[in-house]
């Protein structure tokens, strides 16, 4: 049985996780900080976390666009050499 498709899918998922991890980590950190602030100040507004998390994730994504583009181009070049 040829394991190439399985290997390609695994590598694709790894690249996707590497690209998404910093953006998701920023959302988690901002969410944790806001959650701590909410518990300290007793503000229990559910919608308070959305705007800062989205803003932080957009800022991180915008800052990392060059790195993401390089990762995707490297993966595409590697993929074309595999096929």
N, C-alpha and C. Protein backbone atom coordinates (compact mmCIF):
# COMPACT_ATOMS: atom_id res chain seq x y z
N UNK A 1 0.84 -1.18 0.00
CA UNK A 1 0.00 0.00 0.00
C UNK A 1 0.89 1.25 0.00
N UNK A 2 0.53 2.20 -0.83
CA UNK A 2 1.30 3.43 -0.96
C UNK A 2 0.92 4.39 0.17
N UNK A 3 1.90 4.84 0.92
CA UNK A 3 1.64 5.72 2.05
C UNK A 3 1.82 7.20 1.70
N UNK A 4 2.05 7.51 0.45
CA UNK A 4 2.27 8.90 0.05
C UNK A 4 1.07 9.80 0.33
N UNK A 5 -0.16 9.41 0.00
CA UNK A 5 -1.29 10.30 0.31
C UNK A 5 -1.43 10.57 1.81
N UNK A 6 -1.22 9.55 2.61
CA UNK A 6 -1.30 9.73 4.05
C UNK A 6 -0.22 10.68 4.54
N UNK A 7 0.98 10.54 4.01
CA UNK A 7 2.09 11.42 4.37
C UNK A 7 1.79 12.87 3.96
N UNK A 8 1.23 13.06 2.75
CA UNK A 8 0.92 14.41 2.28
C UNK A 8 -0.17 15.07 3.13
N UNK A 9 -1.18 14.30 3.51
CA UNK A 9 -2.24 14.84 4.36
C UNK A 9 -1.68 15.22 5.72
N UNK A 10 -0.82 14.38 6.27
CA UNK A 10 -0.23 14.66 7.58
C UNK A 10 0.62 15.93 7.53
N UNK A 11 1.43 16.08 6.48
CA UNK A 11 2.25 17.27 6.34
C UNK A 11 1.40 18.52 6.14
N UNK A 12 0.31 18.39 5.40
CA UNK A 12 -0.59 19.52 5.19
C UNK A 12 -1.21 19.97 6.51
N UNK A 13 -1.64 19.02 7.33
CA UNK A 13 -2.21 19.37 8.62
C UNK A 13 -1.17 20.00 9.55
N UNK A 14 0.05 19.53 9.50
CA UNK A 14 1.11 20.11 10.32
C UNK A 14 1.39 21.55 9.92
N UNK A 15 1.47 21.81 8.62
CA UNK A 15 1.69 23.18 8.14
C UNK A 15 0.52 24.07 8.54
N UNK A 16 -0.70 23.57 8.42
CA UNK A 16 -1.87 24.36 8.80
C UNK A 16 -1.85 24.68 10.29
N UNK A 17 -1.46 23.73 11.12
CA UNK A 17 -1.37 23.97 12.56
C UNK A 17 -0.27 24.98 12.89
N UNK A 18 0.86 24.88 12.20
CA UNK A 18 1.95 25.83 12.45
C UNK A 18 1.54 27.25 12.07
N UNK A 19 0.76 27.38 11.01
CA UNK A 19 0.32 28.70 10.58
C UNK A 19 -0.76 29.26 11.50
N UNK A 20 -1.67 28.41 11.94
CA UNK A 20 -2.79 28.87 12.76
C UNK A 20 -2.42 29.05 14.23
N UNK A 21 -1.39 28.38 14.70
CA UNK A 21 -1.06 28.39 16.13
C UNK A 21 -0.81 29.78 16.71
N UNK A 22 0.00 30.64 16.08
CA UNK A 22 0.23 31.96 16.69
C UNK A 22 -1.04 32.81 16.79
N UNK A 23 -1.89 32.73 15.80
CA UNK A 23 -3.12 33.51 15.81
C UNK A 23 -4.05 33.00 16.90
N UNK A 24 -4.18 31.69 16.99
CA UNK A 24 -5.04 31.11 18.01
C UNK A 24 -4.48 31.35 19.41
N UNK A 25 -3.17 31.29 19.54
CA UNK A 25 -2.53 31.53 20.83
C UNK A 25 -2.79 32.97 21.30
N UNK A 26 -2.75 33.92 20.37
CA UNK A 26 -3.06 35.30 20.72
C UNK A 26 -4.49 35.42 21.24
N UNK A 27 -5.41 34.74 20.59
CA UNK A 27 -6.80 34.76 21.05
C UNK A 27 -6.97 34.15 22.42
N UNK A 28 -6.25 33.06 22.68
CA UNK A 28 -6.34 32.41 23.98
C UNK A 28 -5.76 33.30 25.07
N UNK A 29 -4.61 33.91 24.81
CA UNK A 29 -3.97 34.77 25.81
C UNK A 29 -4.84 35.98 26.13
N UNK A 30 -5.36 36.63 25.10
CA UNK A 30 -6.22 37.80 25.32
C UNK A 30 -7.50 37.37 26.05
N UNK A 31 -8.06 36.25 25.68
CA UNK A 31 -9.25 35.75 26.37
C UNK A 31 -8.98 35.45 27.83
N UNK A 32 -7.81 34.89 28.12
CA UNK A 32 -7.45 34.59 29.51
C UNK A 32 -7.27 35.87 30.33
N UNK A 33 -6.59 36.85 29.74
CA UNK A 33 -6.38 38.13 30.44
C UNK A 33 -7.72 38.81 30.71
N UNK A 34 -8.60 38.84 29.74
CA UNK A 34 -9.90 39.48 29.93
C UNK A 34 -10.74 38.70 30.93
N UNK A 35 -10.63 37.39 30.91
CA UNK A 35 -11.34 36.57 31.88
C UNK A 35 -10.87 36.86 33.30
N UNK A 36 -9.56 37.01 33.47
CA UNK A 36 -9.03 37.36 34.80
C UNK A 36 -9.50 38.74 35.23
N UNK A 37 -9.48 39.70 34.30
CA UNK A 37 -9.97 41.04 34.63
C UNK A 37 -11.45 41.03 34.99
N UNK A 38 -12.23 40.22 34.29
CA UNK A 38 -13.65 40.12 34.60
C UNK A 38 -13.88 39.52 35.98
N UNK A 39 -13.10 38.52 36.33
CA UNK A 39 -13.29 37.91 37.64
C UNK A 39 -12.83 38.82 38.76
N UNK A 40 -11.80 39.63 38.52
CA UNK A 40 -11.32 40.56 39.55
C UNK A 40 -12.30 41.71 39.74
N UNK A 41 -12.84 42.22 38.65
CA UNK A 41 -13.74 43.38 38.74
C UNK A 41 -15.21 42.99 38.84
N UNK A 42 -15.52 41.73 38.82
CA UNK A 42 -16.90 41.22 38.90
C UNK A 42 -17.78 41.70 37.75
N UNK A 43 -17.19 42.00 36.61
CA UNK A 43 -17.95 42.34 35.41
C UNK A 43 -18.22 41.03 34.68
N UNK A 44 -19.46 40.68 34.50
CA UNK A 44 -19.81 39.40 33.89
C UNK A 44 -20.52 39.59 32.55
N UNK A 45 -19.97 40.42 31.71
CA UNK A 45 -20.54 40.65 30.38
C UNK A 45 -19.94 39.64 29.41
N UNK A 46 -20.77 38.82 28.79
CA UNK A 46 -20.30 37.77 27.89
C UNK A 46 -19.68 38.34 26.62
N UNK A 47 -20.17 39.49 26.17
CA UNK A 47 -19.72 40.03 24.89
C UNK A 47 -18.43 40.84 25.01
N UNK A 48 -17.96 41.06 26.21
CA UNK A 48 -16.76 41.87 26.41
C UNK A 48 -15.51 41.22 25.83
N UNK A 49 -15.48 39.92 25.75
CA UNK A 49 -14.26 39.24 25.28
C UNK A 49 -14.13 39.21 23.77
N UNK A 50 -15.22 39.32 23.05
CA UNK A 50 -15.16 39.12 21.60
C UNK A 50 -14.34 40.16 20.86
N UNK A 51 -14.59 41.42 21.10
CA UNK A 51 -13.92 42.48 20.34
C UNK A 51 -12.41 42.47 20.58
N UNK A 52 -11.92 42.43 21.82
CA UNK A 52 -10.47 42.39 22.01
C UNK A 52 -9.81 41.14 21.43
N UNK A 53 -10.49 39.99 21.53
CA UNK A 53 -9.92 38.76 20.97
C UNK A 53 -9.82 38.85 19.45
N UNK A 54 -10.87 39.33 18.83
CA UNK A 54 -10.84 39.46 17.37
C UNK A 54 -9.79 40.47 16.94
N UNK A 55 -9.71 41.59 17.66
CA UNK A 55 -8.71 42.61 17.32
C UNK A 55 -7.29 42.07 17.47
N UNK A 56 -7.04 41.36 18.56
CA UNK A 56 -5.70 40.79 18.78
C UNK A 56 -5.37 39.76 17.71
N UNK A 57 -6.32 38.93 17.37
CA UNK A 57 -6.07 37.90 16.36
C UNK A 57 -5.83 38.52 14.99
N UNK A 58 -6.57 39.57 14.66
CA UNK A 58 -6.35 40.26 13.39
C UNK A 58 -4.99 40.94 13.35
N UNK A 59 -4.59 41.56 14.45
CA UNK A 59 -3.28 42.20 14.51
C UNK A 59 -2.15 41.19 14.36
N UNK A 60 -2.27 40.07 15.04
CA UNK A 60 -1.24 39.03 14.93
C UNK A 60 -1.20 38.47 13.51
N UNK A 61 -2.37 38.23 12.93
CA UNK A 61 -2.41 37.71 11.56
C UNK A 61 -1.82 38.71 10.57
N UNK A 62 -2.13 39.99 10.75
CA UNK A 62 -1.57 41.01 9.85
C UNK A 62 -0.06 41.12 10.02
N UNK A 63 0.42 41.02 11.24
CA UNK A 63 1.85 41.09 11.51
C UNK A 63 2.59 39.88 10.93
N UNK A 64 1.94 38.72 10.92
CA UNK A 64 2.59 37.48 10.47
C UNK A 64 2.34 37.13 9.01
N UNK A 65 1.71 38.01 8.26
CA UNK A 65 1.42 37.71 6.85
C UNK A 65 2.69 37.35 6.06
N UNK A 66 3.79 38.07 6.21
CA UNK A 66 5.00 37.66 5.45
C UNK A 66 5.48 36.26 5.83
N UNK A 67 5.48 35.95 7.12
CA UNK A 67 5.91 34.62 7.58
C UNK A 67 4.97 33.53 7.06
N UNK A 68 3.68 33.80 7.10
CA UNK A 68 2.69 32.84 6.62
C UNK A 68 2.87 32.61 5.12
N UNK A 69 3.10 33.68 4.37
CA UNK A 69 3.29 33.55 2.92
C UNK A 69 4.54 32.72 2.61
N UNK A 70 5.61 32.94 3.35
CA UNK A 70 6.83 32.16 3.13
C UNK A 70 6.59 30.69 3.44
N UNK A 71 5.91 30.41 4.55
CA UNK A 71 5.60 29.02 4.91
C UNK A 71 4.77 28.34 3.82
N UNK A 72 3.76 29.05 3.32
CA UNK A 72 2.90 28.46 2.29
C UNK A 72 3.65 28.26 0.97
N UNK A 73 4.53 29.21 0.62
CA UNK A 73 5.31 29.05 -0.62
C UNK A 73 6.31 27.90 -0.48
N UNK A 74 6.94 27.78 0.68
CA UNK A 74 7.85 26.65 0.91
C UNK A 74 7.11 25.32 0.83
N UNK A 75 5.92 25.28 1.43
CA UNK A 75 5.15 24.04 1.37
C UNK A 75 4.71 23.73 -0.06
N UNK A 76 4.28 24.75 -0.80
CA UNK A 76 3.87 24.52 -2.18
C UNK A 76 5.03 24.04 -3.03
N UNK A 77 6.21 24.63 -2.84
CA UNK A 77 7.39 24.18 -3.59
C UNK A 77 7.74 22.74 -3.22
N UNK A 78 7.68 22.43 -1.93
CA UNK A 78 7.96 21.05 -1.49
C UNK A 78 6.93 20.09 -2.06
N UNK A 79 5.67 20.51 -2.09
CA UNK A 79 4.61 19.65 -2.60
C UNK A 79 4.79 19.38 -4.08
N UNK A 80 5.19 20.39 -4.86
CA UNK A 80 5.42 20.19 -6.29
C UNK A 80 6.61 19.26 -6.55
N UNK A 81 7.60 19.29 -5.68
CA UNK A 81 8.73 18.37 -5.85
C UNK A 81 8.35 16.95 -5.48
N UNK A 82 7.37 16.81 -4.57
CA UNK A 82 6.91 15.46 -4.18
C UNK A 82 6.09 14.81 -5.28
N UNK A 83 5.36 15.62 -6.03
CA UNK A 83 4.48 15.07 -7.08
C UNK A 83 5.28 14.93 -8.31
